[in-house]
Structures are given as structure tokens and as C-alpha cells.
Amino acid sequence: MKRRTFLATAAFGFVGACGHSKFRSYSGPEVTQLVVYKGQRRMHLVNGRTALKSYKIALGGNPVGPKQFEGDGKTPEGLYFINRQNPNSAYHLSLGISYPSEEDSARAEALGKKPGSDIFIHGRARQNRGRGRDWTAGCIAVKDREMEEIYSMVRIGTPIFILP
């Protein structure tokens, strides 16, 4: 009986030591905004006027210009907000961006198209490593470990400025 308990405890401890939790804690300054420069492929997490962290990013497969409609492969441009967290994302972890705005929807409808939706900041989910510079359907992608950090730092309601 004692031996089984010891083996079970030892096995659990080994698994725990090898495992990596994707959920981190953060106790630093509040992230008051995110600023994305599509042309530079950079995203900055900002407090006031101070960049707390900066990341290289991947964008939609057709990144130049603002998103106009579903399937155009573009990443939106403009002011949006982080509107949800997805701990069960197919792309490791993700933070939702409030696209489409009313203006985005009207622009797409004027073209006779749907605006699209489900624009996120997300990880690469391992299988997307090495896919090239811009490979998403319009989202903003970072490395999985970076996404863990971003997920812990950014709160729902945080503004995100996505610039050309």
C-alpha cells in the first residue's frame, strides 16, 4: 500500500515537473493600450507613454491595407478593443479584437460582402511554426510563449491601435 502511494506521488511529481502551464501571472504596471505597426511587424504593450514589452508579429497573408471584407487576408486597421479571452484557442491562447466596427460592416456591405469576424491576437500553436512572415487569416500572431505573457498582461477593454 505504501509503495503504491509512493509511486503515484513520484509519478505525479515527475509529470508536474515536465509540464508547462500556459497560464502565467503578471503583477507589473497596467497595460493601458496596445499599439500595432503592421508595416514594421511590431506590437507594443504600453502603459501611458512607456512601452512595457514589444513583440515581432505575423499578420494576414495579404497584409497591406485595412481589412475590407471576409476572406481578403488583411489585418484590420484602426482603433479597436480587446473584447474577450480564449483560453481554449486552437492557436494556444488568444485575445479577441472588437472587429468589425459599425464602419467596417458598412464598408463591407457597400461592396456586397460580409465584413468577417473573429480577429484575434494569438499564438502559433506549434504546427504553424515556419509558415513564413504573414500566414494568418487576418489575425495578429506571436510565438506561443509570448502569447502566454501577453494573455497575462492584457485585460478585456484595453484599446488596441492597429496602424499601417
N, C-alpha and C. Protein backbone atom coordinates (compact mmCIF):
# COMPACT_ATOMS: atom_id res chain seq x y z
N MET A 1 0.82 -1.19 0.00
CA MET A 1 0.00 0.00 0.00
C MET A 1 0.87 1.26 0.00
N LYS A 2 1.86 1.30 0.89
CA LYS A 2 2.73 2.46 0.97
C LYS A 2 3.51 2.62 -0.33
N ARG A 3 3.92 1.49 -0.92
CA ARG A 3 4.70 1.54 -2.15
C ARG A 3 3.87 2.16 -3.29
N ARG A 4 2.60 1.77 -3.41
CA ARG A 4 1.73 2.32 -4.47
C ARG A 4 1.56 3.83 -4.29
N THR A 5 1.36 4.24 -3.05
CA THR A 5 1.20 5.68 -2.77
C THR A 5 2.46 6.42 -3.16
N PHE A 6 3.63 5.86 -2.82
CA PHE A 6 4.91 6.49 -3.16
C PHE A 6 5.06 6.58 -4.68
N LEU A 7 4.76 5.50 -5.40
CA LEU A 7 4.90 5.50 -6.85
C LEU A 7 3.94 6.50 -7.49
N ALA A 8 2.72 6.56 -7.01
CA ALA A 8 1.75 7.51 -7.56
C ALA A 8 2.20 8.94 -7.32
N THR A 9 2.70 9.21 -6.12
CA THR A 9 3.18 10.54 -5.78
C THR A 9 4.40 10.90 -6.62
N ALA A 10 5.31 9.96 -6.77
CA ALA A 10 6.50 10.20 -7.58
C ALA A 10 6.14 10.45 -9.04
N ALA A 11 5.22 9.67 -9.58
CA ALA A 11 4.80 9.84 -10.97
C ALA A 11 4.13 11.20 -11.17
N PHE A 12 3.28 11.60 -10.25
CA PHE A 12 2.60 12.88 -10.35
C PHE A 12 3.62 14.02 -10.30
N GLY A 13 4.57 13.92 -9.40
CA GLY A 13 5.61 14.94 -9.28
C GLY A 13 6.44 15.04 -10.54
N PHE A 14 6.74 13.93 -11.19
CA PHE A 14 7.52 13.92 -12.42
C PHE A 14 6.74 14.59 -13.55
N VAL A 15 5.48 14.25 -13.68
CA VAL A 15 4.65 14.85 -14.72
C VAL A 15 4.54 16.35 -14.50
N GLY A 16 4.34 16.76 -13.26
CA GLY A 16 4.23 18.18 -12.95
C GLY A 16 5.51 18.93 -13.26
N ALA A 17 6.66 18.33 -13.01
CA ALA A 17 7.94 18.97 -13.26
C ALA A 17 8.18 19.13 -14.75
N CYS A 18 7.69 18.20 -15.57
CA CYS A 18 7.91 18.25 -17.01
C CYS A 18 6.89 19.16 -17.70
N GLY A 19 5.74 19.32 -17.10
CA GLY A 19 4.68 20.09 -17.73
C GLY A 19 4.95 21.58 -17.70
N HIS A 20 4.29 22.29 -18.58
CA HIS A 20 4.42 23.74 -18.65
C HIS A 20 3.02 24.32 -18.71
N SER A 21 2.67 25.12 -17.76
CA SER A 21 1.36 25.75 -17.77
C SER A 21 1.40 26.95 -18.70
N LYS A 22 0.38 27.07 -19.54
CA LYS A 22 0.32 28.22 -20.44
C LYS A 22 -0.23 29.46 -19.75
N PHE A 23 -0.67 29.32 -18.51
CA PHE A 23 -1.23 30.44 -17.77
C PHE A 23 -0.19 31.00 -16.82
N ARG A 24 0.14 32.26 -17.02
CA ARG A 24 1.13 32.95 -16.20
C ARG A 24 0.45 34.03 -15.38
N SER A 25 1.15 34.51 -14.38
CA SER A 25 0.63 35.64 -13.61
C SER A 25 1.48 36.86 -13.94
N TYR A 26 0.89 38.02 -13.76
CA TYR A 26 1.58 39.28 -14.04
C TYR A 26 1.21 40.28 -12.96
N SER A 27 2.20 40.93 -12.41
CA SER A 27 1.94 41.90 -11.34
C SER A 27 2.61 43.24 -11.60
N GLY A 28 2.97 43.50 -12.85
CA GLY A 28 3.63 44.76 -13.18
C GLY A 28 2.63 45.86 -13.49
N PRO A 29 3.13 46.94 -14.12
CA PRO A 29 2.26 48.07 -14.48
C PRO A 29 1.14 47.64 -15.42
N GLU A 30 0.00 48.31 -15.31
CA GLU A 30 -1.15 48.01 -16.16
C GLU A 30 -0.84 48.32 -17.62
N VAL A 31 -1.27 47.45 -18.52
CA VAL A 31 -1.19 47.72 -19.95
C VAL A 31 -2.40 48.60 -20.28
N THR A 32 -2.15 49.85 -20.67
CA THR A 32 -3.24 50.79 -20.93
C THR A 32 -3.62 50.83 -22.41
N GLN A 33 -2.75 50.31 -23.28
CA GLN A 33 -3.07 50.22 -24.70
C GLN A 33 -2.08 49.31 -25.40
N LEU A 34 -2.52 48.78 -26.53
CA LEU A 34 -1.64 48.04 -27.41
C LEU A 34 -1.52 48.86 -28.69
N VAL A 35 -0.31 48.92 -29.24
CA VAL A 35 -0.09 49.64 -30.49
C VAL A 35 0.59 48.68 -31.45
N VAL A 36 -0.05 48.48 -32.60
CA VAL A 36 0.46 47.57 -33.63
C VAL A 36 0.87 48.41 -34.84
N TYR A 37 2.09 48.21 -35.30
CA TYR A 37 2.58 48.81 -36.54
C TYR A 37 2.72 47.69 -37.56
N LYS A 38 1.73 47.59 -38.43
CA LYS A 38 1.71 46.48 -39.39
C LYS A 38 2.95 46.48 -40.29
N GLY A 39 3.33 47.64 -40.80
CA GLY A 39 4.48 47.72 -41.71
C GLY A 39 5.78 47.29 -41.06
N GLN A 40 5.91 47.53 -39.77
CA GLN A 40 7.12 47.14 -39.04
C GLN A 40 7.02 45.74 -38.46
N ARG A 41 5.81 45.15 -38.52
CA ARG A 41 5.53 43.83 -37.92
C ARG A 41 5.89 43.84 -36.44
N ARG A 42 5.42 44.89 -35.72
CA ARG A 42 5.71 45.04 -34.29
C ARG A 42 4.43 45.37 -33.54
N MET A 43 4.33 44.83 -32.33
CA MET A 43 3.24 45.14 -31.42
C MET A 43 3.87 45.55 -30.09
N HIS A 44 3.37 46.66 -29.53
CA HIS A 44 3.88 47.18 -28.27
C HIS A 44 2.77 47.18 -27.23
N LEU A 45 3.07 46.69 -26.04
CA LEU A 45 2.18 46.77 -24.89
C LEU A 45 2.63 47.99 -24.10
N VAL A 46 1.72 48.94 -23.91
CA VAL A 46 2.09 50.26 -23.42
C VAL A 46 1.36 50.60 -22.13
N ASN A 47 2.07 51.27 -21.23
CA ASN A 47 1.49 51.88 -20.04
C ASN A 47 1.75 53.37 -20.16
N GLY A 48 0.67 54.17 -20.35
CA GLY A 48 0.86 55.60 -20.56
C GLY A 48 1.61 55.84 -21.86
N ARG A 49 2.84 56.31 -21.75
CA ARG A 49 3.69 56.54 -22.93
C ARG A 49 4.89 55.60 -22.96
N THR A 50 4.92 54.65 -22.03
CA THR A 50 6.06 53.74 -21.91
C THR A 50 5.73 52.36 -22.46
N ALA A 51 6.54 51.90 -23.40
CA ALA A 51 6.37 50.54 -23.91
C ALA A 51 6.90 49.57 -22.86
N LEU A 52 6.03 48.70 -22.38
CA LEU A 52 6.43 47.70 -21.40
C LEU A 52 7.09 46.50 -22.07
N LYS A 53 6.53 46.10 -23.21
CA LYS A 53 7.04 44.95 -23.97
C LYS A 53 6.77 45.19 -25.44
N SER A 54 7.62 44.65 -26.29
CA SER A 54 7.44 44.72 -27.74
C SER A 54 7.66 43.35 -28.34
N TYR A 55 6.91 43.04 -29.39
CA TYR A 55 6.94 41.72 -30.00
C TYR A 55 6.96 41.81 -31.51
N LYS A 56 7.68 40.90 -32.14
CA LYS A 56 7.57 40.71 -33.59
C LYS A 56 6.25 39.98 -33.84
N ILE A 57 5.57 40.33 -34.91
CA ILE A 57 4.27 39.73 -35.19
C ILE A 57 4.18 39.22 -36.63
N ALA A 58 3.25 38.31 -36.84
CA ALA A 58 2.84 37.88 -38.18
C ALA A 58 1.43 38.39 -38.37
N LEU A 59 1.07 38.66 -39.61
CA LEU A 59 -0.24 39.23 -39.94
C LEU A 59 -0.98 38.33 -40.92
N GLY A 60 -2.07 38.87 -41.47
CA GLY A 60 -2.80 38.18 -42.51
C GLY A 60 -1.93 38.02 -43.74
N GLY A 61 -2.24 37.04 -44.56
CA GLY A 61 -1.44 36.71 -45.73
C GLY A 61 -1.40 37.80 -46.80
N ASN A 62 -2.25 38.81 -46.71
CA ASN A 62 -2.30 39.93 -47.64
C ASN A 62 -2.33 41.20 -46.78
N PRO A 63 -1.22 41.54 -46.11
CA PRO A 63 -1.25 42.49 -45.01
C PRO A 63 -1.36 43.97 -45.35
N VAL A 64 -1.07 44.38 -46.57
CA VAL A 64 -1.05 45.81 -46.87
C VAL A 64 -2.48 46.33 -47.03
N GLY A 65 -2.79 47.39 -46.29
CA GLY A 65 -4.12 48.00 -46.33
C GLY A 65 -5.03 47.43 -45.27
N PRO A 66 -6.14 48.15 -45.00
CA PRO A 66 -7.08 47.70 -43.96
C PRO A 66 -7.95 46.55 -44.44
N LYS A 67 -8.42 45.76 -43.51
CA LYS A 67 -9.36 44.68 -43.82
C LYS A 67 -10.63 45.31 -44.39
N GLN A 68 -11.11 44.76 -45.51
CA GLN A 68 -12.32 45.29 -46.13
C GLN A 68 -13.48 44.31 -46.09
N PHE A 69 -13.18 43.02 -46.16
CA PHE A 69 -14.24 42.02 -46.16
C PHE A 69 -13.67 40.66 -45.80
N GLU A 70 -14.56 39.76 -45.45
CA GLU A 70 -14.20 38.40 -45.06
C GLU A 70 -13.42 37.72 -46.18
N GLY A 71 -12.31 37.11 -45.82
CA GLY A 71 -11.53 36.35 -46.78
C GLY A 71 -10.50 37.14 -47.55
N ASP A 72 -10.34 38.45 -47.25
CA ASP A 72 -9.36 39.23 -48.00
C ASP A 72 -7.93 39.06 -47.49
N GLY A 73 -7.75 38.34 -46.38
CA GLY A 73 -6.41 38.07 -45.85
C GLY A 73 -5.74 39.27 -45.21
N LYS A 74 -6.50 40.31 -44.95
CA LYS A 74 -5.93 41.52 -44.36
C LYS A 74 -6.21 41.60 -42.86
N THR A 75 -5.32 42.27 -42.16
CA THR A 75 -5.49 42.57 -40.74
C THR A 75 -6.13 43.95 -40.65
N PRO A 76 -7.16 44.13 -39.83
CA PRO A 76 -7.82 45.44 -39.74
C PRO A 76 -6.86 46.56 -39.35
N GLU A 77 -7.27 47.79 -39.62
CA GLU A 77 -6.55 48.98 -39.17
C GLU A 77 -7.56 49.89 -38.48
N GLY A 78 -7.11 50.55 -37.42
CA GLY A 78 -7.98 51.46 -36.70
C GLY A 78 -7.92 51.21 -35.20
N LEU A 79 -8.87 51.84 -34.50
CA LEU A 79 -8.99 51.68 -33.04
C LEU A 79 -10.01 50.60 -32.75
N TYR A 80 -9.60 49.60 -31.99
CA TYR A 80 -10.48 48.52 -31.55
C TYR A 80 -10.22 48.31 -30.06
N PHE A 81 -10.87 47.31 -29.50
CA PHE A 81 -10.68 46.98 -28.08
C PHE A 81 -10.53 45.47 -27.93
N ILE A 82 -9.80 45.07 -26.90
CA ILE A 82 -9.73 43.65 -26.56
C ILE A 82 -11.08 43.32 -25.94
N ASN A 83 -11.81 42.37 -26.54
CA ASN A 83 -13.18 42.13 -26.07
C ASN A 83 -13.42 40.72 -25.52
N ARG A 84 -12.42 39.86 -25.55
CA ARG A 84 -12.60 38.53 -24.97
C ARG A 84 -11.26 37.81 -24.87
N GLN A 85 -11.24 36.84 -23.97
CA GLN A 85 -10.09 35.94 -23.80
C GLN A 85 -10.54 34.54 -24.18
N ASN A 86 -9.68 33.82 -24.88
CA ASN A 86 -9.99 32.44 -25.22
C ASN A 86 -8.87 31.52 -24.71
N PRO A 87 -9.08 30.90 -23.55
CA PRO A 87 -8.05 30.02 -23.01
C PRO A 87 -7.98 28.68 -23.75
N ASN A 88 -8.97 28.37 -24.57
CA ASN A 88 -9.00 27.10 -25.31
C ASN A 88 -8.82 27.30 -26.80
N SER A 89 -8.09 28.32 -27.17
CA SER A 89 -7.88 28.65 -28.58
C SER A 89 -7.16 27.53 -29.32
N ALA A 90 -7.51 27.36 -30.57
CA ALA A 90 -6.78 26.43 -31.44
C ALA A 90 -5.36 26.93 -31.69
N TYR A 91 -5.11 28.18 -31.35
CA TYR A 91 -3.80 28.80 -31.53
C TYR A 91 -3.16 29.13 -30.18
N HIS A 92 -3.18 28.16 -29.29
CA HIS A 92 -2.57 28.19 -27.97
C HIS A 92 -3.40 29.01 -26.98
N LEU A 93 -3.37 30.32 -27.07
CA LEU A 93 -4.21 31.25 -26.30
C LEU A 93 -4.56 32.38 -27.25
N SER A 94 -5.66 33.08 -26.99
CA SER A 94 -5.97 34.21 -27.85
C SER A 94 -6.77 35.28 -27.13
N LEU A 95 -6.63 36.50 -27.63
CA LEU A 95 -7.36 37.66 -27.16
C LEU A 95 -8.15 38.21 -28.34
N GLY A 96 -9.46 38.35 -28.18
CA GLY A 96 -10.31 38.84 -29.25
C GLY A 96 -10.19 40.34 -29.44
N ILE A 97 -10.28 40.75 -30.70
CA ILE A 97 -10.26 42.16 -31.08
C ILE A 97 -11.66 42.51 -31.56
N SER A 98 -12.17 43.68 -31.21
CA SER A 98 -13.56 44.05 -31.44
C SER A 98 -13.93 44.34 -32.89
N TYR A 99 -13.19 43.83 -33.84
CA TYR A 99 -13.55 43.93 -35.25
C TYR A 99 -14.72 43.00 -35.52
N PRO A 100 -15.73 43.41 -36.32
CA PRO A 100 -15.83 44.64 -37.09
C PRO A 100 -16.55 45.74 -36.32
N SER A 101 -16.14 46.97 -36.59
CA SER A 101 -16.87 48.13 -36.07
C SER A 101 -18.07 48.37 -36.98
N GLU A 102 -18.92 49.32 -36.62
CA GLU A 102 -20.05 49.67 -37.49
C GLU A 102 -19.55 50.14 -38.85
N GLU A 103 -18.47 50.93 -38.85
CA GLU A 103 -17.89 51.43 -40.11
C GLU A 103 -17.36 50.28 -40.96
N ASP A 104 -16.69 49.30 -40.31
CA ASP A 104 -16.17 48.15 -41.04
C ASP A 104 -17.31 47.38 -41.71
N SER A 105 -18.39 47.18 -40.96
CA SER A 105 -19.55 46.45 -41.50
C SER A 105 -20.17 47.20 -42.67
N ALA A 106 -20.32 48.52 -42.54
CA ALA A 106 -20.91 49.33 -43.61
C ALA A 106 -20.04 49.29 -44.87
N ARG A 107 -18.71 49.37 -44.69
CA ARG A 107 -17.79 49.33 -45.84
C ARG A 107 -17.91 48.00 -46.59
N ALA A 108 -17.95 46.91 -45.85
CA ALA A 108 -18.07 45.59 -46.49
C ALA A 108 -19.42 45.44 -47.19
N GLU A 109 -20.48 45.88 -46.52
CA GLU A 109 -21.82 45.78 -47.11
C GLU A 109 -21.92 46.60 -48.39
N ALA A 110 -21.24 47.76 -48.44
CA ALA A 110 -21.23 48.59 -49.65
C ALA A 110 -20.57 47.85 -50.82
N LEU A 111 -19.70 46.91 -50.50
CA LEU A 111 -19.04 46.09 -51.53
C LEU A 111 -19.83 44.81 -51.81
N GLY A 112 -20.97 44.65 -51.11
CA GLY A 112 -21.77 43.45 -51.28
C GLY A 112 -21.17 42.22 -50.62
N LYS A 113 -20.37 42.45 -49.57
CA LYS A 113 -19.68 41.36 -48.89
C LYS A 113 -19.93 41.41 -47.39
N LYS A 114 -19.52 40.35 -46.71
CA LYS A 114 -19.55 40.30 -45.25
C LYS A 114 -18.23 40.87 -44.73
N PRO A 115 -18.25 41.53 -43.55
CA PRO A 115 -17.02 42.12 -43.04
C PRO A 115 -16.02 41.10 -42.48
N GLY A 116 -16.50 39.92 -42.13
CA GLY A 116 -15.65 38.96 -41.44
C GLY A 116 -15.73 39.19 -39.95
N SER A 117 -15.09 38.32 -39.20
CA SER A 117 -15.11 38.43 -37.73
C SER A 117 -14.00 37.55 -37.18
N ASP A 118 -14.02 37.36 -35.88
CA ASP A 118 -13.05 36.50 -35.20
C ASP A 118 -11.60 36.89 -35.49
N ILE A 119 -11.31 38.16 -35.29
CA ILE A 119 -9.94 38.65 -35.40
C ILE A 119 -9.34 38.60 -33.99
N PHE A 120 -8.18 37.96 -33.87
CA PHE A 120 -7.55 37.74 -32.57
C PHE A 120 -6.07 38.07 -32.60
N ILE A 121 -5.52 38.28 -31.43
CA ILE A 121 -4.08 38.16 -31.19
C ILE A 121 -3.93 36.74 -30.67
N HIS A 122 -3.07 35.95 -31.28
CA HIS A 122 -2.94 34.56 -30.85
C HIS A 122 -1.54 34.03 -31.05
N GLY A 123 -1.32 32.84 -30.51
CA GLY A 123 -0.04 32.16 -30.67
C GLY A 123 0.04 31.44 -32.00
N ARG A 124 1.09 30.65 -32.14
CA ARG A 124 1.30 29.90 -33.38
C ARG A 124 0.82 28.45 -33.27
N ALA A 125 0.58 27.98 -32.07
CA ALA A 125 0.11 26.61 -31.83
C ALA A 125 1.05 25.57 -32.44
N ARG A 126 2.30 25.79 -32.31
CA ARG A 126 3.37 24.89 -32.75
C ARG A 126 3.29 24.48 -34.22
N GLN A 127 2.15 23.98 -34.70
CA GLN A 127 2.09 23.50 -36.07
C GLN A 127 2.26 24.63 -37.08
N ASN A 128 2.15 25.87 -36.67
CA ASN A 128 2.27 26.98 -37.59
C ASN A 128 3.65 27.62 -37.58
N ARG A 129 4.61 27.01 -36.90
CA ARG A 129 5.99 27.49 -36.92
C ARG A 129 6.54 27.33 -38.34
N GLY A 130 7.29 28.31 -38.75
CA GLY A 130 7.95 28.21 -40.05
C GLY A 130 7.04 28.43 -41.24
N ARG A 131 5.82 28.93 -41.02
CA ARG A 131 4.89 29.14 -42.13
C ARG A 131 5.19 30.40 -42.90
N GLY A 132 6.19 31.14 -42.50
CA GLY A 132 6.53 32.37 -43.21
C GLY A 132 6.16 33.60 -42.42
N ARG A 133 6.37 34.73 -43.06
CA ARG A 133 6.21 36.02 -42.40
C ARG A 133 4.76 36.32 -42.03
N ASP A 134 3.86 36.19 -42.97
CA ASP A 134 2.45 36.51 -42.74
C ASP A 134 1.62 35.32 -43.20
N TRP A 135 0.90 34.71 -42.28
CA TRP A 135 0.22 33.46 -42.59
C TRP A 135 -1.19 33.37 -42.02
N THR A 136 -1.62 34.34 -41.20
CA THR A 136 -2.94 34.23 -40.58
C THR A 136 -4.03 34.62 -41.57
N ALA A 137 -5.27 34.46 -41.16
CA ALA A 137 -6.40 34.86 -42.00
C ALA A 137 -6.78 36.33 -41.75
N GLY A 138 -5.94 37.06 -41.01
CA GLY A 138 -6.20 38.46 -40.69
C GLY A 138 -5.89 38.78 -39.24
N CYS A 139 -5.49 37.77 -38.50
CA CYS A 139 -5.17 37.95 -37.08
C CYS A 139 -3.74 38.45 -36.90
N ILE A 140 -3.36 38.66 -35.66
CA ILE A 140 -2.01 39.05 -35.26
C ILE A 140 -1.44 37.87 -34.48
N ALA A 141 -0.33 37.30 -34.95
CA ALA A 141 0.24 36.12 -34.31
C ALA A 141 1.61 36.41 -33.72
N VAL A 142 1.88 35.78 -32.58
CA VAL A 142 3.17 35.85 -31.90
C VAL A 142 3.55 34.42 -31.51
N LYS A 143 4.75 34.25 -31.00
CA LYS A 143 5.17 32.93 -30.51
C LYS A 143 4.31 32.53 -29.32
N ASP A 144 4.13 31.23 -29.11
CA ASP A 144 3.28 30.74 -28.03
C ASP A 144 3.71 31.27 -26.66
N ARG A 145 4.98 31.24 -26.36
CA ARG A 145 5.46 31.72 -25.05
C ARG A 145 5.19 33.21 -24.89
N GLU A 146 5.32 33.96 -25.99
CA GLU A 146 5.00 35.39 -25.94
C GLU A 146 3.50 35.60 -25.70
N MET A 147 2.68 34.74 -26.33
CA MET A 147 1.24 34.86 -26.15
C MET A 147 0.85 34.61 -24.70
N GLU A 148 1.54 33.71 -24.03
CA GLU A 148 1.28 33.46 -22.62
C GLU A 148 1.51 34.73 -21.80
N GLU A 149 2.58 35.43 -22.12
CA GLU A 149 2.91 36.67 -21.43
C GLU A 149 1.86 37.74 -21.73
N ILE A 150 1.52 37.91 -22.99
CA ILE A 150 0.53 38.91 -23.41
C ILE A 150 -0.82 38.62 -22.76
N TYR A 151 -1.23 37.37 -22.78
CA TYR A 151 -2.51 36.95 -22.20
C TYR A 151 -2.60 37.32 -20.73
N SER A 152 -1.47 37.20 -20.02
CA SER A 152 -1.47 37.52 -18.59
C SER A 152 -1.46 39.03 -18.33
N MET A 153 -1.00 39.81 -19.29
CA MET A 153 -0.82 41.25 -19.09
C MET A 153 -2.00 42.10 -19.55
N VAL A 154 -2.73 41.64 -20.56
CA VAL A 154 -3.75 42.47 -21.21
C VAL A 154 -5.14 42.10 -20.70
N ARG A 155 -5.92 43.09 -20.36
CA ARG A 155 -7.27 42.90 -19.83
C ARG A 155 -8.33 43.23 -20.88
N ILE A 156 -9.49 42.64 -20.72
CA ILE A 156 -10.62 42.96 -21.58
C ILE A 156 -10.94 44.45 -21.42
N GLY A 157 -11.21 45.11 -22.54
CA GLY A 157 -11.48 46.54 -22.55
C GLY A 157 -10.28 47.39 -22.93
N THR A 158 -9.09 46.80 -23.00
CA THR A 158 -7.89 47.54 -23.36
C THR A 158 -7.96 47.96 -24.83
N PRO A 159 -7.72 49.25 -25.12
CA PRO A 159 -7.72 49.68 -26.52
C PRO A 159 -6.52 49.13 -27.28
N ILE A 160 -6.74 48.84 -28.57
CA ILE A 160 -5.66 48.40 -29.46
C ILE A 160 -5.72 49.26 -30.71
N PHE A 161 -4.61 49.95 -30.98
CA PHE A 161 -4.49 50.77 -32.18
C PHE A 161 -3.71 49.97 -33.20
N ILE A 162 -4.33 49.69 -34.33
CA ILE A 162 -3.66 48.93 -35.39
C ILE A 162 -3.41 49.91 -36.53
N LEU A 163 -2.12 50.19 -36.75
CA LEU A 163 -1.70 51.22 -37.70
C LEU A 163 -1.02 50.58 -38.91
N PRO A 164 -1.04 51.30 -40.05
CA PRO A 164 -0.40 50.73 -41.28
C PRO A 164 1.07 50.41 -41.07
